[in-house]
Amino acid sequence: MYEIIEGAIHSILCMIDRVDELVGKLSIDLIDNETNESLSGNTALHEEFMRYFKI
């Protein structure tokens, strides 16, 4: 179960970071509610996630 959840979250973060092959089919973006600016491109969320999610 752990590996399935880890894989799903990692895939979503890759789509947000636009480093996944699904980017051409589905685009996800995080928008700051106060500034209306995109948060993508500021950091590699999928890499940061892997550092913190490991047990």
N, C-alpha and C. Protein backbone atom coordinates (compact mmCIF):
# COMPACT_ATOMS: atom_id res chain seq x y z
N MET A 1 0.82 -1.17 0.00
CA MET A 1 0.00 0.00 0.00
C MET A 1 0.88 1.26 0.00
N TYR A 2 1.95 1.21 0.77
CA TYR A 2 2.88 2.34 0.86
C TYR A 2 3.44 2.71 -0.52
N GLU A 3 3.86 1.69 -1.28
CA GLU A 3 4.46 1.94 -2.59
C GLU A 3 3.46 2.50 -3.58
N ILE A 4 2.21 2.08 -3.50
CA ILE A 4 1.17 2.59 -4.39
C ILE A 4 0.91 4.07 -4.11
N ILE A 5 0.77 4.40 -2.84
CA ILE A 5 0.52 5.80 -2.45
C ILE A 5 1.72 6.67 -2.82
N GLU A 6 2.93 6.18 -2.54
CA GLU A 6 4.14 6.92 -2.89
C GLU A 6 4.21 7.18 -4.39
N GLY A 7 3.92 6.17 -5.19
CA GLY A 7 3.97 6.30 -6.64
C GLY A 7 2.94 7.28 -7.17
N ALA A 8 1.73 7.24 -6.62
CA ALA A 8 0.67 8.15 -7.06
C ALA A 8 1.01 9.59 -6.75
N ILE A 9 1.46 9.85 -5.53
CA ILE A 9 1.82 11.22 -5.14
C ILE A 9 3.00 11.72 -5.97
N HIS A 10 3.99 10.87 -6.17
CA HIS A 10 5.16 11.26 -6.96
C HIS A 10 4.76 11.60 -8.39
N SER A 11 3.86 10.82 -8.98
CA SER A 11 3.40 11.09 -10.35
C SER A 11 2.67 12.43 -10.45
N ILE A 12 1.83 12.72 -9.46
CA ILE A 12 1.11 14.00 -9.45
C ILE A 12 2.09 15.16 -9.34
N LEU A 13 3.08 15.03 -8.47
CA LEU A 13 4.07 16.10 -8.32
C LEU A 13 4.92 16.26 -9.58
N CYS A 14 5.20 15.17 -10.29
CA CYS A 14 5.93 15.26 -11.56
C CYS A 14 5.11 16.02 -12.59
N MET A 15 3.79 15.81 -12.59
CA MET A 15 2.93 16.55 -13.52
C MET A 15 2.92 18.03 -13.18
N ILE A 16 2.91 18.36 -11.90
CA ILE A 16 2.96 19.76 -11.48
C ILE A 16 4.29 20.38 -11.89
N ASP A 17 5.38 19.62 -11.70
CA ASP A 17 6.71 20.12 -12.07
C ASP A 17 6.94 20.08 -13.58
N ARG A 18 6.02 19.47 -14.30
CA ARG A 18 6.08 19.34 -15.76
C ARG A 18 7.30 18.54 -16.23
N VAL A 19 7.59 17.44 -15.53
CA VAL A 19 8.69 16.56 -15.93
C VAL A 19 8.18 15.15 -16.27
N ASP A 20 6.88 14.98 -16.37
CA ASP A 20 6.29 13.68 -16.62
C ASP A 20 5.78 13.59 -18.05
N GLU A 21 5.72 12.39 -18.59
CA GLU A 21 5.25 12.21 -19.96
C GLU A 21 3.75 12.50 -20.09
N LEU A 22 3.03 12.56 -18.98
CA LEU A 22 1.60 12.87 -19.03
C LEU A 22 1.32 14.36 -19.20
N VAL A 23 2.37 15.18 -19.13
CA VAL A 23 2.18 16.63 -19.22
C VAL A 23 1.49 17.02 -20.52
N GLY A 24 1.80 16.35 -21.60
CA GLY A 24 1.15 16.66 -22.87
C GLY A 24 -0.34 16.35 -22.86
N LYS A 25 -0.75 15.44 -22.00
CA LYS A 25 -2.15 15.03 -21.94
C LYS A 25 -2.91 15.72 -20.81
N LEU A 26 -2.24 16.01 -19.74
CA LEU A 26 -2.89 16.60 -18.57
C LEU A 26 -1.93 17.56 -17.91
N SER A 27 -2.36 18.76 -17.67
CA SER A 27 -1.52 19.77 -17.04
C SER A 27 -2.14 20.18 -15.71
N ILE A 28 -1.34 20.13 -14.68
CA ILE A 28 -1.78 20.54 -13.34
C ILE A 28 -0.89 21.70 -12.90
N ASP A 29 -1.49 22.68 -12.28
CA ASP A 29 -0.71 23.82 -11.80
C ASP A 29 -1.20 24.21 -10.42
N LEU A 30 -0.30 24.70 -9.59
CA LEU A 30 -0.65 25.24 -8.28
C LEU A 30 -0.60 26.75 -8.39
N ILE A 31 -1.67 27.40 -7.95
CA ILE A 31 -1.77 28.85 -8.03
C ILE A 31 -1.88 29.43 -6.63
N ASP A 32 -1.05 30.42 -6.33
CA ASP A 32 -1.13 31.13 -5.06
C ASP A 32 -2.44 31.92 -5.03
N ASN A 33 -3.26 31.66 -4.04
CA ASN A 33 -4.58 32.28 -3.95
C ASN A 33 -4.50 33.80 -3.79
N GLU A 34 -3.47 34.30 -3.13
CA GLU A 34 -3.35 35.74 -2.88
C GLU A 34 -2.78 36.50 -4.07
N THR A 35 -1.79 35.92 -4.75
CA THR A 35 -1.12 36.63 -5.85
C THR A 35 -1.56 36.16 -7.23
N ASN A 36 -2.27 35.05 -7.29
CA ASN A 36 -2.68 34.43 -8.56
C ASN A 36 -1.49 34.05 -9.44
N GLU A 37 -0.33 33.80 -8.83
CA GLU A 37 0.86 33.39 -9.57
C GLU A 37 1.05 31.88 -9.46
N SER A 38 1.59 31.29 -10.52
CA SER A 38 1.87 29.87 -10.53
C SER A 38 3.02 29.55 -9.58
N LEU A 39 2.90 28.44 -8.86
CA LEU A 39 3.96 28.00 -7.96
C LEU A 39 4.89 26.99 -8.64
N SER A 40 4.51 26.53 -9.83
CA SER A 40 5.36 25.57 -10.52
C SER A 40 6.61 26.27 -11.04
N GLY A 41 7.70 25.55 -11.04
CA GLY A 41 8.95 26.11 -11.52
C GLY A 41 9.81 26.70 -10.42
N ASN A 42 9.23 26.91 -9.24
CA ASN A 42 10.01 27.46 -8.14
C ASN A 42 10.87 26.42 -7.44
N THR A 43 10.42 25.17 -7.48
CA THR A 43 11.15 24.09 -6.85
C THR A 43 10.77 22.78 -7.52
N ALA A 44 11.57 21.78 -7.34
CA ALA A 44 11.26 20.45 -7.87
C ALA A 44 10.50 19.69 -6.79
N LEU A 45 9.18 19.81 -6.80
CA LEU A 45 8.36 19.21 -5.76
C LEU A 45 8.54 17.70 -5.68
N HIS A 46 8.68 17.04 -6.83
CA HIS A 46 8.81 15.59 -6.83
C HIS A 46 10.11 15.14 -6.16
N GLU A 47 11.17 15.93 -6.26
CA GLU A 47 12.43 15.59 -5.61
C GLU A 47 12.36 15.85 -4.11
N GLU A 48 11.77 16.96 -3.72
CA GLU A 48 11.62 17.28 -2.30
C GLU A 48 10.75 16.24 -1.61
N PHE A 49 9.69 15.81 -2.28
CA PHE A 49 8.78 14.81 -1.74
C PHE A 49 9.53 13.53 -1.41
N MET A 50 10.39 13.09 -2.31
CA MET A 50 11.10 11.83 -2.10
C MET A 50 12.01 11.90 -0.87
N ARG A 51 12.53 13.06 -0.55
CA ARG A 51 13.38 13.21 0.64
C ARG A 51 12.58 13.06 1.93
N TYR A 52 11.34 13.52 1.95
CA TYR A 52 10.55 13.54 3.16
C TYR A 52 9.64 12.34 3.33
N PHE A 53 9.29 11.65 2.28
CA PHE A 53 8.31 10.58 2.35
C PHE A 53 8.91 9.25 2.78
N LYS A 54 10.20 9.09 2.63
CA LYS A 54 10.84 7.81 2.97
C LYS A 54 10.73 7.55 4.46
N ILE A 55 10.41 6.28 4.77
CA ILE A 55 10.31 5.88 6.19
C ILE A 55 11.66 5.37 6.66
